[in-house]
Amino acid sequence: MGKVRGLRARVHQAAVRPAGQAASGPAPPTREAAPTPAAARGVGAKEWAFMNTDVFAGTKIDPSALVQKLDPDTRSVASVRRGENGSSAPLTPMCSLSSGAEARAVLPKKEKLKLRRERWLQKIETIKLAEQKRKAEQRRRATVVVGDLQPLRDALPELLELEAGGRQPRARGEEERARFRELLASPAYRASPLLAIGQQLAQQMQLDGGSQL
């Protein structure tokens, strides 16, 4: 019993033949049309039509907004310096600065390196000064005070006066408490407390007024 061979579909196109000449082999089987992406994905006809349309169809752009003008009149600082020194040709009207455009300072590479070096030197100098100040403060703290101490002695009476001024309110409070104890122990207070307190306050006010005058 022989083999049963199945028919295989030919995936390549048929050879181009002159008009009127029939193909020797059997005609290739026709392939079914592949489903559209819209049908495969389940997208409706309206959505598929919208996807095929141009997104920017309704966009209106003014052509004047697309025009950009580069300013060739701006010059660098290096060109200005060369013009001032006279090493280059005189400036033409095309090389003059335009009134509307802002002149941007473009420094050459050497100038940039010089400025960067100056900034680094300033930072280094600041660090050195801070370190010197810190070391000097440490030396002053570690140094024993010797020599003329007369300025320190002259300043001591001022400190004593400040301490005496701070002690005055305390002494006055002690006097007030002693006076109040005497008032409580007096027979006038036992006879009429309000009258005794009034008399004591009047006397104290007279004494304070006389001391102020």
N, C-alpha and C. Protein backbone atom coordinates (compact mmCIF):
# COMPACT_ATOMS: atom_id res chain seq x y z
N MET A 1 0.86 -1.19 0.00
CA MET A 1 0.00 0.00 0.00
C MET A 1 0.89 1.23 0.00
N GLY A 2 0.64 2.17 -0.90
CA GLY A 2 1.50 3.34 -1.03
C GLY A 2 1.21 4.41 0.02
N LYS A 3 2.08 5.47 0.02
CA LYS A 3 1.94 6.56 0.98
C LYS A 3 0.82 7.50 0.55
N VAL A 4 0.15 8.04 1.53
CA VAL A 4 -0.89 9.04 1.28
C VAL A 4 -0.26 10.41 1.50
N ARG A 5 -0.11 11.13 0.44
CA ARG A 5 0.52 12.45 0.51
C ARG A 5 -0.55 13.53 0.58
N GLY A 6 -0.38 14.41 1.54
CA GLY A 6 -1.31 15.53 1.66
C GLY A 6 -0.86 16.71 0.81
N LEU A 7 -1.80 17.48 0.34
CA LEU A 7 -1.50 18.65 -0.48
C LEU A 7 -1.02 19.79 0.43
N ARG A 8 0.17 20.33 0.12
CA ARG A 8 0.71 21.46 0.88
C ARG A 8 0.49 22.76 0.11
N ALA A 9 0.09 23.74 0.81
CA ALA A 9 -0.14 25.04 0.17
C ALA A 9 1.20 25.68 -0.16
N ARG A 10 1.28 26.25 -1.35
CA ARG A 10 2.49 26.93 -1.78
C ARG A 10 2.45 28.38 -1.26
N VAL A 11 3.49 28.71 -0.54
CA VAL A 11 3.50 30.04 0.06
C VAL A 11 4.21 31.06 -0.80
N HIS A 12 4.94 30.62 -1.83
CA HIS A 12 5.63 31.57 -2.68
C HIS A 12 4.78 31.89 -3.89
N GLN A 13 5.09 33.02 -4.53
CA GLN A 13 4.33 33.43 -5.70
C GLN A 13 4.71 32.57 -6.91
N ALA A 14 3.76 32.50 -7.79
CA ALA A 14 4.01 31.72 -9.01
C ALA A 14 4.98 32.46 -9.91
N ALA A 15 5.69 31.73 -10.75
CA ALA A 15 6.65 32.33 -11.66
C ALA A 15 5.96 33.16 -12.71
N VAL A 16 6.62 34.23 -13.12
CA VAL A 16 6.07 35.11 -14.16
C VAL A 16 6.25 34.42 -15.51
N ARG A 17 5.17 34.27 -16.22
CA ARG A 17 5.20 33.59 -17.51
C ARG A 17 4.68 34.52 -18.59
N PRO A 18 5.11 34.29 -19.84
CA PRO A 18 4.59 35.13 -20.94
C PRO A 18 3.09 34.98 -21.08
N ALA A 19 2.49 36.01 -21.70
CA ALA A 19 1.03 35.99 -21.87
C ALA A 19 0.63 34.83 -22.77
N GLY A 20 -0.41 34.13 -22.43
CA GLY A 20 -0.93 33.02 -23.23
C GLY A 20 -0.33 31.68 -22.89
N GLN A 21 0.70 31.63 -22.04
CA GLN A 21 1.33 30.36 -21.69
C GLN A 21 0.77 29.89 -20.37
N ALA A 22 0.23 28.72 -20.36
CA ALA A 22 -0.41 28.19 -19.16
C ALA A 22 0.64 27.57 -18.27
N ALA A 23 0.36 27.55 -17.00
CA ALA A 23 1.29 26.96 -16.05
C ALA A 23 1.26 25.45 -16.18
N SER A 24 2.45 24.84 -16.08
CA SER A 24 2.54 23.39 -16.25
C SER A 24 1.99 22.64 -15.05
N GLY A 25 2.22 23.16 -13.88
CA GLY A 25 1.78 22.50 -12.66
C GLY A 25 0.36 22.86 -12.29
N PRO A 26 -0.15 22.23 -11.28
CA PRO A 26 -1.50 22.57 -10.82
C PRO A 26 -1.54 23.97 -10.22
N ALA A 27 -2.68 24.58 -10.34
CA ALA A 27 -2.85 25.94 -9.82
C ALA A 27 -2.75 25.93 -8.31
N PRO A 28 -2.02 26.89 -7.76
CA PRO A 28 -1.88 26.91 -6.30
C PRO A 28 -3.21 27.23 -5.64
N PRO A 29 -3.43 26.66 -4.51
CA PRO A 29 -4.71 26.94 -3.82
C PRO A 29 -4.74 28.39 -3.34
N THR A 30 -5.90 28.97 -3.49
CA THR A 30 -6.07 30.37 -3.07
C THR A 30 -6.11 30.45 -1.56
N ARG A 31 -5.40 31.46 -1.03
CA ARG A 31 -5.38 31.67 0.42
C ARG A 31 -6.52 32.59 0.82
N GLU A 32 -7.04 32.30 1.93
CA GLU A 32 -8.12 33.15 2.42
C GLU A 32 -7.55 34.50 2.87
N ALA A 33 -8.35 35.52 2.64
CA ALA A 33 -7.91 36.87 3.02
C ALA A 33 -7.79 36.96 4.53
N ALA A 34 -6.67 37.54 4.94
CA ALA A 34 -6.44 37.68 6.39
C ALA A 34 -7.41 38.69 6.97
N PRO A 35 -7.91 38.44 8.13
CA PRO A 35 -8.85 39.40 8.73
C PRO A 35 -8.15 40.72 9.04
N THR A 36 -8.88 41.77 8.90
CA THR A 36 -8.33 43.11 9.18
C THR A 36 -8.03 43.25 10.66
N PRO A 37 -7.11 44.13 11.00
CA PRO A 37 -6.82 44.32 12.44
C PRO A 37 -8.03 44.75 13.24
N ALA A 38 -8.92 45.53 12.56
CA ALA A 38 -10.12 45.96 13.28
C ALA A 38 -11.01 44.79 13.62
N ALA A 39 -11.16 43.86 12.65
CA ALA A 39 -11.99 42.69 12.92
C ALA A 39 -11.33 41.77 13.93
N ALA A 40 -9.98 41.66 13.85
CA ALA A 40 -9.29 40.77 14.78
C ALA A 40 -9.35 41.31 16.20
N ARG A 41 -9.25 42.58 16.36
CA ARG A 41 -9.26 43.17 17.70
C ARG A 41 -10.66 43.52 18.18
N GLY A 42 -11.62 43.39 17.36
CA GLY A 42 -12.98 43.70 17.77
C GLY A 42 -13.29 45.17 17.76
N VAL A 43 -12.55 45.96 16.99
CA VAL A 43 -12.78 47.40 16.92
C VAL A 43 -13.87 47.65 15.90
N GLY A 44 -14.77 48.56 16.19
CA GLY A 44 -15.87 48.86 15.29
C GLY A 44 -15.40 49.61 14.06
N ALA A 45 -16.31 49.74 13.12
CA ALA A 45 -15.96 50.41 11.86
C ALA A 45 -15.67 51.88 12.08
N LYS A 46 -16.42 52.51 12.99
CA LYS A 46 -16.20 53.93 13.23
C LYS A 46 -14.84 54.18 13.87
N GLU A 47 -14.49 53.35 14.85
CA GLU A 47 -13.21 53.53 15.52
C GLU A 47 -12.06 53.27 14.56
N TRP A 48 -12.20 52.29 13.71
CA TRP A 48 -11.14 52.00 12.73
C TRP A 48 -10.99 53.14 11.73
N ALA A 49 -12.13 53.74 11.34
CA ALA A 49 -12.06 54.88 10.43
C ALA A 49 -11.39 56.07 11.11
N PHE A 50 -11.67 56.25 12.39
CA PHE A 50 -11.03 57.35 13.12
C PHE A 50 -9.53 57.14 13.25
N MET A 51 -9.12 55.89 13.43
CA MET A 51 -7.69 55.60 13.55
C MET A 51 -6.96 55.84 12.24
N ASN A 52 -7.65 55.60 11.10
CA ASN A 52 -7.00 55.79 9.80
C ASN A 52 -6.93 57.26 9.40
N THR A 53 -7.75 58.12 10.01
CA THR A 53 -7.74 59.53 9.64
C THR A 53 -6.50 60.22 10.20
N ASP A 54 -6.14 61.35 9.62
CA ASP A 54 -4.97 62.12 10.04
C ASP A 54 -5.28 62.85 11.34
N VAL A 55 -4.41 62.70 12.33
CA VAL A 55 -4.65 63.33 13.63
C VAL A 55 -4.53 64.85 13.54
N PHE A 56 -3.63 65.32 12.69
CA PHE A 56 -3.38 66.76 12.58
C PHE A 56 -4.15 67.39 11.42
N ALA A 57 -5.25 66.75 11.02
CA ALA A 57 -5.99 67.28 9.87
C ALA A 57 -6.60 68.64 10.19
N GLY A 58 -7.12 68.82 11.43
CA GLY A 58 -7.77 70.07 11.78
C GLY A 58 -6.85 71.09 12.41
N THR A 59 -5.56 70.80 12.48
CA THR A 59 -4.62 71.73 13.11
C THR A 59 -4.22 72.82 12.13
N LYS A 60 -4.27 74.07 12.61
CA LYS A 60 -3.89 75.21 11.78
C LYS A 60 -2.71 75.91 12.44
N ILE A 61 -1.62 76.00 11.74
CA ILE A 61 -0.40 76.63 12.25
C ILE A 61 -0.06 77.81 11.36
N ASP A 62 0.17 78.94 12.00
CA ASP A 62 0.54 80.14 11.26
C ASP A 62 1.98 80.00 10.76
N PRO A 63 2.23 80.14 9.47
CA PRO A 63 3.62 80.00 8.97
C PRO A 63 4.57 81.03 9.57
N SER A 64 4.03 82.21 9.94
CA SER A 64 4.93 83.22 10.51
C SER A 64 5.46 82.81 11.88
N ALA A 65 4.72 81.92 12.58
CA ALA A 65 5.19 81.45 13.89
C ALA A 65 6.35 80.47 13.76
N LEU A 66 6.52 79.88 12.58
CA LEU A 66 7.59 78.92 12.37
C LEU A 66 8.90 79.58 11.96
N VAL A 67 8.84 80.86 11.64
CA VAL A 67 10.04 81.56 11.18
C VAL A 67 10.87 81.96 12.40
N GLN A 68 12.10 81.57 12.43
CA GLN A 68 13.02 81.94 13.50
C GLN A 68 14.20 82.70 12.91
N LYS A 69 14.55 83.76 13.60
CA LYS A 69 15.63 84.61 13.12
C LYS A 69 16.79 84.54 14.09
N LEU A 70 17.91 84.08 13.60
CA LEU A 70 19.13 84.06 14.40
C LEU A 70 19.81 85.41 14.30
N ASP A 71 20.33 85.88 15.41
CA ASP A 71 20.95 87.19 15.46
C ASP A 71 22.44 87.06 15.19
N PRO A 72 22.89 87.37 14.00
CA PRO A 72 24.33 87.25 13.72
C PRO A 72 25.13 88.47 14.17
N ASP A 73 24.40 89.48 14.71
CA ASP A 73 25.10 90.72 15.05
C ASP A 73 25.75 90.67 16.43
N THR A 74 25.36 89.72 17.26
CA THR A 74 25.94 89.66 18.60
C THR A 74 27.39 89.25 18.52
N ARG A 75 28.20 89.89 19.35
CA ARG A 75 29.63 89.61 19.34
C ARG A 75 30.06 89.15 20.71
N SER A 76 31.12 88.42 20.76
CA SER A 76 31.68 87.99 22.02
C SER A 76 32.56 89.09 22.61
N VAL A 77 32.89 88.92 23.88
CA VAL A 77 33.76 89.90 24.54
C VAL A 77 35.14 89.91 23.92
N ALA A 78 35.59 88.74 23.46
CA ALA A 78 36.92 88.66 22.85
C ALA A 78 36.98 89.50 21.57
N SER A 79 35.90 89.44 20.76
CA SER A 79 35.91 90.23 19.53
C SER A 79 35.86 91.72 19.84
N VAL A 80 35.13 92.10 20.90
CA VAL A 80 35.07 93.52 21.28
C VAL A 80 36.44 94.01 21.71
N ARG A 81 37.16 93.18 22.50
CA ARG A 81 38.49 93.58 22.95
C ARG A 81 39.46 93.68 21.79
N ARG A 82 39.35 92.75 20.86
CA ARG A 82 40.24 92.84 19.69
C ARG A 82 39.96 94.10 18.90
N GLY A 83 38.67 94.48 18.81
CA GLY A 83 38.35 95.70 18.08
C GLY A 83 38.85 96.94 18.79
N GLU A 84 38.81 96.92 20.15
CA GLU A 84 39.29 98.08 20.89
C GLU A 84 40.80 98.20 20.81
N ASN A 85 41.51 97.06 20.82
CA ASN A 85 42.97 97.11 20.76
C ASN A 85 43.49 97.43 19.37
N GLY A 86 42.64 97.32 18.36
CA GLY A 86 43.08 97.65 17.01
C GLY A 86 43.79 96.52 16.31
N SER A 87 43.75 95.32 16.86
CA SER A 87 44.43 94.20 16.21
C SER A 87 43.63 93.60 15.09
N SER A 88 42.36 93.93 15.01
CA SER A 88 41.52 93.39 13.95
C SER A 88 40.98 94.53 13.11
N ALA A 89 40.25 94.17 12.06
CA ALA A 89 39.71 95.16 11.14
C ALA A 89 38.59 95.93 11.82
N PRO A 90 38.27 97.15 11.35
CA PRO A 90 37.18 97.91 11.96
C PRO A 90 35.86 97.19 11.78
N LEU A 91 34.97 97.44 12.72
CA LEU A 91 33.70 96.74 12.73
C LEU A 91 32.80 97.27 11.63
N THR A 92 32.15 96.37 10.94
CA THR A 92 31.19 96.72 9.90
C THR A 92 29.82 96.88 10.51
N PRO A 93 28.86 97.45 9.79
CA PRO A 93 27.51 97.56 10.35
C PRO A 93 26.91 96.21 10.70
N MET A 94 27.29 95.15 9.98
CA MET A 94 26.75 93.82 10.29
C MET A 94 27.27 93.31 11.62
N CYS A 95 28.44 93.79 12.04
CA CYS A 95 29.05 93.32 13.28
C CYS A 95 28.64 94.16 14.48
N SER A 96 27.91 95.24 14.26
CA SER A 96 27.49 96.09 15.38
C SER A 96 26.39 95.40 16.17
N LEU A 97 26.30 95.77 17.43
CA LEU A 97 25.29 95.17 18.30
C LEU A 97 23.91 95.67 17.92
N SER A 98 22.97 94.74 17.83
CA SER A 98 21.60 95.13 17.51
C SER A 98 20.95 95.73 18.74
N SER A 99 20.02 96.68 18.51
CA SER A 99 19.38 97.36 19.63
C SER A 99 18.43 96.45 20.38
N GLY A 100 17.76 95.52 19.69
CA GLY A 100 16.78 94.67 20.37
C GLY A 100 17.40 93.48 21.06
N ALA A 101 18.49 92.97 20.55
CA ALA A 101 19.09 91.76 21.11
C ALA A 101 19.99 92.11 22.28
N GLU A 102 19.99 91.24 23.27
CA GLU A 102 20.85 91.43 24.43
C GLU A 102 22.23 90.87 24.16
N ALA A 103 23.25 91.66 24.46
CA ALA A 103 24.63 91.22 24.25
C ALA A 103 25.02 90.25 25.35
N ARG A 104 25.31 89.05 24.97
CA ARG A 104 25.70 88.03 25.95
C ARG A 104 27.21 87.99 26.05
N ALA A 105 27.71 88.03 27.27
CA ALA A 105 29.16 88.04 27.50
C ALA A 105 29.69 86.63 27.34
N VAL A 106 30.41 86.39 26.27
CA VAL A 106 31.02 85.08 26.01
C VAL A 106 32.52 85.24 26.19
N LEU A 107 33.04 84.66 27.25
CA LEU A 107 34.46 84.78 27.54
C LEU A 107 35.23 83.67 26.85
N PRO A 108 36.44 83.95 26.44
CA PRO A 108 37.27 82.88 25.87
C PRO A 108 37.70 81.89 26.94
N LYS A 109 38.28 80.81 26.48
CA LYS A 109 38.64 79.73 27.40
C LYS A 109 39.71 80.18 28.39
N LYS A 110 40.66 80.98 27.95
CA LYS A 110 41.72 81.44 28.85
C LYS A 110 41.15 82.30 29.97
N GLU A 111 40.19 83.17 29.62
CA GLU A 111 39.58 84.02 30.65
C GLU A 111 38.81 83.17 31.67
N LYS A 112 38.10 82.16 31.18
CA LYS A 112 37.36 81.28 32.09
C LYS A 112 38.30 80.54 33.03
N LEU A 113 39.41 80.04 32.50
CA LEU A 113 40.38 79.35 33.34
C LEU A 113 40.99 80.30 34.37
N LYS A 114 41.23 81.54 33.95
CA LYS A 114 41.80 82.52 34.87
C LYS A 114 40.83 82.84 36.01
N LEU A 115 39.55 83.03 35.67
CA LEU A 115 38.56 83.31 36.71
C LEU A 115 38.40 82.12 37.65
N ARG A 116 38.42 80.92 37.09
CA ARG A 116 38.30 79.73 37.94
C ARG A 116 39.49 79.61 38.89
N ARG A 117 40.67 79.93 38.38
CA ARG A 117 41.87 79.86 39.23
C ARG A 117 41.79 80.90 40.35
N GLU A 118 41.30 82.10 40.04
CA GLU A 118 41.17 83.13 41.07
C GLU A 118 40.18 82.72 42.15
N ARG A 119 39.07 82.09 41.75
CA ARG A 119 38.10 81.63 42.74
C ARG A 119 38.70 80.57 43.65
N TRP A 120 39.47 79.65 43.06
CA TRP A 120 40.11 78.61 43.88
C TRP A 120 41.12 79.22 44.85
N LEU A 121 41.88 80.22 44.38
CA LEU A 121 42.84 80.87 45.26
C LEU A 121 42.15 81.58 46.42
N GLN A 122 41.01 82.21 46.14
CA GLN A 122 40.26 82.88 47.21
C GLN A 122 39.76 81.87 48.25
N LYS A 123 39.27 80.73 47.78
CA LYS A 123 38.81 79.70 48.72
C LYS A 123 39.96 79.18 49.57
N ILE A 124 41.11 78.95 48.93
CA ILE A 124 42.27 78.46 49.68
C ILE A 124 42.72 79.49 50.71
N GLU A 125 42.71 80.77 50.33
CA GLU A 125 43.12 81.83 51.26
C GLU A 125 42.16 81.93 52.44
N THR A 126 40.87 81.78 52.17
CA THR A 126 39.88 81.82 53.26
C THR A 126 40.09 80.67 54.23
N ILE A 127 40.37 79.49 53.70
CA ILE A 127 40.61 78.33 54.57
C ILE A 127 41.87 78.53 55.40
N LYS A 128 42.92 79.09 54.79
CA LYS A 128 44.16 79.35 55.53
C LYS A 128 43.93 80.34 56.66
N LEU A 129 43.19 81.42 56.39
CA LEU A 129 42.94 82.42 57.43
C LEU A 129 42.13 81.82 58.59
N ALA A 130 41.15 81.00 58.27
CA ALA A 130 40.36 80.36 59.32
C ALA A 130 41.22 79.44 60.18
N GLU A 131 42.13 78.70 59.53
CA GLU A 131 43.01 77.80 60.28
C GLU A 131 43.98 78.59 61.16
N GLN A 132 44.52 79.69 60.63
CA GLN A 132 45.41 80.52 61.44
C GLN A 132 44.68 81.12 62.64
N LYS A 133 43.45 81.55 62.44
CA LYS A 133 42.68 82.11 63.55
C LYS A 133 42.41 81.06 64.62
N ARG A 134 42.11 79.85 64.20
CA ARG A 134 41.84 78.78 65.16
C ARG A 134 43.09 78.43 65.97
N LYS A 135 44.25 78.36 65.29
CA LYS A 135 45.50 78.06 65.99
C LYS A 135 45.88 79.17 66.96
N ALA A 136 45.68 80.43 66.56
CA ALA A 136 46.00 81.54 67.46
C ALA A 136 45.11 81.51 68.70
N GLU A 137 43.84 81.17 68.53
CA GLU A 137 42.95 81.07 69.68
C GLU A 137 43.38 79.94 70.62
N GLN A 138 43.81 78.82 70.05
CA GLN A 138 44.31 77.73 70.89
C GLN A 138 45.56 78.14 71.66
N ARG A 139 46.47 78.88 71.00
CA ARG A 139 47.68 79.35 71.70
C ARG A 139 47.34 80.30 72.83
N ARG A 140 46.38 81.19 72.61
CA ARG A 140 45.99 82.13 73.67
C ARG A 140 45.39 81.40 74.87
N ARG A 141 44.62 80.36 74.59
CA ARG A 141 44.03 79.62 75.71
C ARG A 141 45.09 78.83 76.48
N ALA A 142 46.11 78.35 75.78
CA ALA A 142 47.14 77.55 76.45
C ALA A 142 48.21 78.41 77.12
N THR A 143 48.28 79.71 76.81
CA THR A 143 49.33 80.57 77.37
C THR A 143 48.96 81.00 78.79
N VAL A 144 49.91 80.89 79.71
CA VAL A 144 49.70 81.32 81.10
C VAL A 144 49.82 82.84 81.16
N VAL A 145 48.89 83.47 81.88
CA VAL A 145 48.89 84.93 81.97
C VAL A 145 50.00 85.37 82.92
N VAL A 146 50.99 86.08 82.41
CA VAL A 146 52.10 86.61 83.21
C VAL A 146 52.35 88.04 82.78
N GLY A 147 53.03 88.79 83.66
CA GLY A 147 53.37 90.16 83.29
C GLY A 147 52.56 91.16 84.09
N ASP A 148 52.21 92.27 83.45
CA ASP A 148 51.52 93.36 84.11
C ASP A 148 50.04 93.02 84.26
N LEU A 149 49.59 92.90 85.51
CA LEU A 149 48.19 92.62 85.80
C LEU A 149 47.44 93.84 86.29
N GLN A 150 48.05 95.02 86.13
CA GLN A 150 47.40 96.24 86.61
C GLN A 150 46.08 96.53 85.91
N PRO A 151 45.97 96.35 84.59
CA PRO A 151 44.65 96.57 83.96
C PRO A 151 43.57 95.66 84.53
N LEU A 152 43.94 94.43 84.87
CA LEU A 152 42.96 93.54 85.48
C LEU A 152 42.55 94.02 86.87
N ARG A 153 43.54 94.53 87.64
CA ARG A 153 43.23 95.05 88.98
C ARG A 153 42.36 96.30 88.90
N ASP A 154 42.60 97.14 87.88
CA ASP A 154 41.77 98.34 87.72
C ASP A 154 40.33 97.98 87.40
N ALA A 155 40.13 96.86 86.75
CA ALA A 155 38.77 96.46 86.40
C ALA A 155 38.03 95.79 87.54
N LEU A 156 38.75 95.37 88.61
CA LEU A 156 38.09 94.68 89.72
C LEU A 156 37.11 95.57 90.49
N PRO A 157 37.42 96.83 90.79
CA PRO A 157 36.43 97.66 91.51
C PRO A 157 35.10 97.77 90.78
N GLU A 158 35.11 97.80 89.49
CA GLU A 158 33.86 97.87 88.75
C GLU A 158 33.03 96.62 89.00
N LEU A 159 33.69 95.48 89.07
CA LEU A 159 32.96 94.25 89.36
C LEU A 159 32.39 94.27 90.77
N LEU A 160 33.17 94.83 91.72
CA LEU A 160 32.68 94.91 93.09
C LEU A 160 31.47 95.84 93.19
N GLU A 161 31.50 96.93 92.43
CA GLU A 161 30.36 97.83 92.44
C GLU A 161 29.11 97.14 91.90
N LEU A 162 29.31 96.34 90.87
CA LEU A 162 28.15 95.61 90.33
C LEU A 162 27.60 94.63 91.36
N GLU A 163 28.50 93.96 92.07
CA GLU A 163 28.03 93.03 93.10
C GLU A 163 27.32 93.78 94.23
N ALA A 164 27.85 94.97 94.60
CA ALA A 164 27.20 95.75 95.66
C ALA A 164 25.82 96.21 95.22
N GLY A 165 25.71 96.60 93.95
CA GLY A 165 24.40 97.00 93.45
C GLY A 165 23.41 95.84 93.46
N GLY A 166 23.92 94.63 93.25
CA GLY A 166 23.03 93.48 93.30
C GLY A 166 22.64 93.10 94.72
N ARG A 167 23.47 93.48 95.71
CA ARG A 167 23.16 93.15 97.09
C ARG A 167 22.19 94.13 97.73
N GLN A 168 22.03 95.33 97.17
CA GLN A 168 21.15 96.34 97.77
C GLN A 168 19.70 95.89 97.87
N PRO A 169 19.09 95.33 96.85
CA PRO A 169 17.69 94.88 97.01
C PRO A 169 17.54 93.81 98.07
N ARG A 170 18.55 92.94 98.22
CA ARG A 170 18.47 91.91 99.25
C ARG A 170 18.51 92.54 100.65
N ALA A 171 19.41 93.52 100.86
CA ALA A 171 19.48 94.17 102.18
C ALA A 171 18.20 94.94 102.48
N ARG A 172 17.62 95.55 101.47
CA ARG A 172 16.37 96.29 101.69
C ARG A 172 15.24 95.35 102.06
N GLY A 173 15.23 94.17 101.46
CA GLY A 173 14.20 93.20 101.83
C GLY A 173 14.34 92.74 103.26
N GLU A 174 15.58 92.58 103.70
CA GLU A 174 15.81 92.21 105.09
C GLU A 174 15.30 93.30 106.04
N GLU A 175 15.54 94.56 105.69
CA GLU A 175 15.06 95.66 106.52
C GLU A 175 13.53 95.68 106.58
N GLU A 176 12.88 95.45 105.47
CA GLU A 176 11.42 95.45 105.44
C GLU A 176 10.86 94.34 106.33
N ARG A 177 11.48 93.16 106.26
CA ARG A 177 11.00 92.06 107.09
C ARG A 177 11.19 92.37 108.59
N ALA A 178 12.35 92.97 108.94
CA ALA A 178 12.59 93.32 110.36
C ALA A 178 11.59 94.36 110.83
N ARG A 179 11.29 95.35 110.00
CA ARG A 179 10.32 96.39 110.37
C ARG A 179 8.92 95.79 110.55
N PHE A 180 8.57 94.82 109.71
CA PHE A 180 7.25 94.20 109.81
C PHE A 180 7.13 93.37 111.10
N ARG A 181 8.23 92.72 111.49
CA ARG A 181 8.21 91.96 112.74
C ARG A 181 8.02 92.90 113.94
N GLU A 182 8.71 94.05 113.90
CA GLU A 182 8.54 95.03 114.97
C GLU A 182 7.10 95.53 115.04
N LEU A 183 6.49 95.72 113.86
CA LEU A 183 5.10 96.19 113.84
C LEU A 183 4.16 95.15 114.44
N LEU A 184 4.40 93.89 114.14
CA LEU A 184 3.53 92.85 114.70
C LEU A 184 3.68 92.73 116.22
N ALA A 185 4.88 93.02 116.72
CA ALA A 185 5.11 92.90 118.17
C ALA A 185 4.71 94.16 118.94
N SER A 186 4.38 95.25 118.26
CA SER A 186 4.05 96.50 118.94
C SER A 186 2.63 96.43 119.52
N PRO A 187 2.36 97.12 120.69
CA PRO A 187 1.00 97.13 121.28
C PRO A 187 0.01 97.91 120.44
N ALA A 188 0.48 98.90 119.64
CA ALA A 188 -0.44 99.67 118.79
C ALA A 188 -1.10 98.76 117.75
N TYR A 189 -0.32 97.78 117.24
CA TYR A 189 -0.88 96.86 116.25
C TYR A 189 -1.94 95.97 116.89
N ARG A 190 -1.72 95.59 118.14
CA ARG A 190 -2.70 94.75 118.81
C ARG A 190 -3.98 95.53 119.10
N ALA A 191 -3.84 96.83 119.40
CA ALA A 191 -5.02 97.63 119.68
C ALA A 191 -5.80 97.93 118.40
N SER A 192 -5.12 98.38 117.34
CA SER A 192 -5.79 98.71 116.07
C SER A 192 -4.83 98.36 114.93
N PRO A 193 -4.97 97.18 114.32
CA PRO A 193 -4.02 96.77 113.26
C PRO A 193 -4.02 97.69 112.05
N LEU A 194 -5.22 98.11 111.58
CA LEU A 194 -5.29 98.95 110.38
C LEU A 194 -4.64 100.31 110.62
N LEU A 195 -4.89 100.89 111.79
CA LEU A 195 -4.31 102.20 112.08
C LEU A 195 -2.80 102.10 112.20
N ALA A 196 -2.30 101.03 112.79
CA ALA A 196 -0.85 100.87 112.94
C ALA A 196 -0.17 100.67 111.58
N ILE A 197 -0.80 99.89 110.71
CA ILE A 197 -0.22 99.66 109.38
C ILE A 197 -0.23 100.95 108.58
N GLY A 198 -1.32 101.76 108.68
CA GLY A 198 -1.38 103.02 107.95
C GLY A 198 -0.29 103.99 108.40
N GLN A 199 -0.10 104.07 109.70
CA GLN A 199 0.95 104.96 110.21
C GLN A 199 2.35 104.49 109.75
N GLN A 200 2.56 103.20 109.77
CA GLN A 200 3.86 102.68 109.34
C GLN A 200 4.12 102.97 107.87
N LEU A 201 3.12 102.82 107.02
CA LEU A 201 3.28 103.10 105.58
C LEU A 201 3.52 104.59 105.35
N ALA A 202 2.82 105.45 106.13
CA ALA A 202 3.02 106.89 105.95
C ALA A 202 4.44 107.28 106.34
N GLN A 203 4.95 106.71 107.40
CA GLN A 203 6.32 107.01 107.80
C GLN A 203 7.33 106.52 106.75
N GLN A 204 7.07 105.34 106.21
CA GLN A 204 8.00 104.80 105.21
C GLN A 204 7.99 105.63 103.93
N MET A 205 6.82 106.12 103.53
CA MET A 205 6.74 106.96 102.33
C MET A 205 7.46 108.28 102.56
N GLN A 206 7.36 108.84 103.77
CA GLN A 206 8.08 110.07 104.06
C GLN A 206 9.59 109.85 104.01
N LEU A 207 10.03 108.71 104.54
CA LEU A 207 11.47 108.42 104.51
C LEU A 207 11.97 108.22 103.07
N ASP A 208 11.18 107.52 102.26
CA ASP A 208 11.58 107.30 100.85
C ASP A 208 11.59 108.61 100.09
N GLY A 209 10.60 109.50 100.36
CA GLY A 209 10.57 110.79 99.68
C GLY A 209 11.74 111.66 100.08
N GLY A 210 12.12 111.64 101.36
CA GLY A 210 13.26 112.43 101.80
C GLY A 210 14.57 111.92 101.25
N SER A 211 14.69 110.60 101.11
CA SER A 211 15.93 110.06 100.55
C SER A 211 16.07 110.37 99.07
N GLN A 212 14.94 110.41 98.35
CA GLN A 212 15.00 110.76 96.93
C GLN A 212 15.35 112.21 96.71
N LEU A 213 14.83 113.09 97.62
CA LEU A 213 15.16 114.50 97.48
C LEU A 213 16.62 114.74 97.83
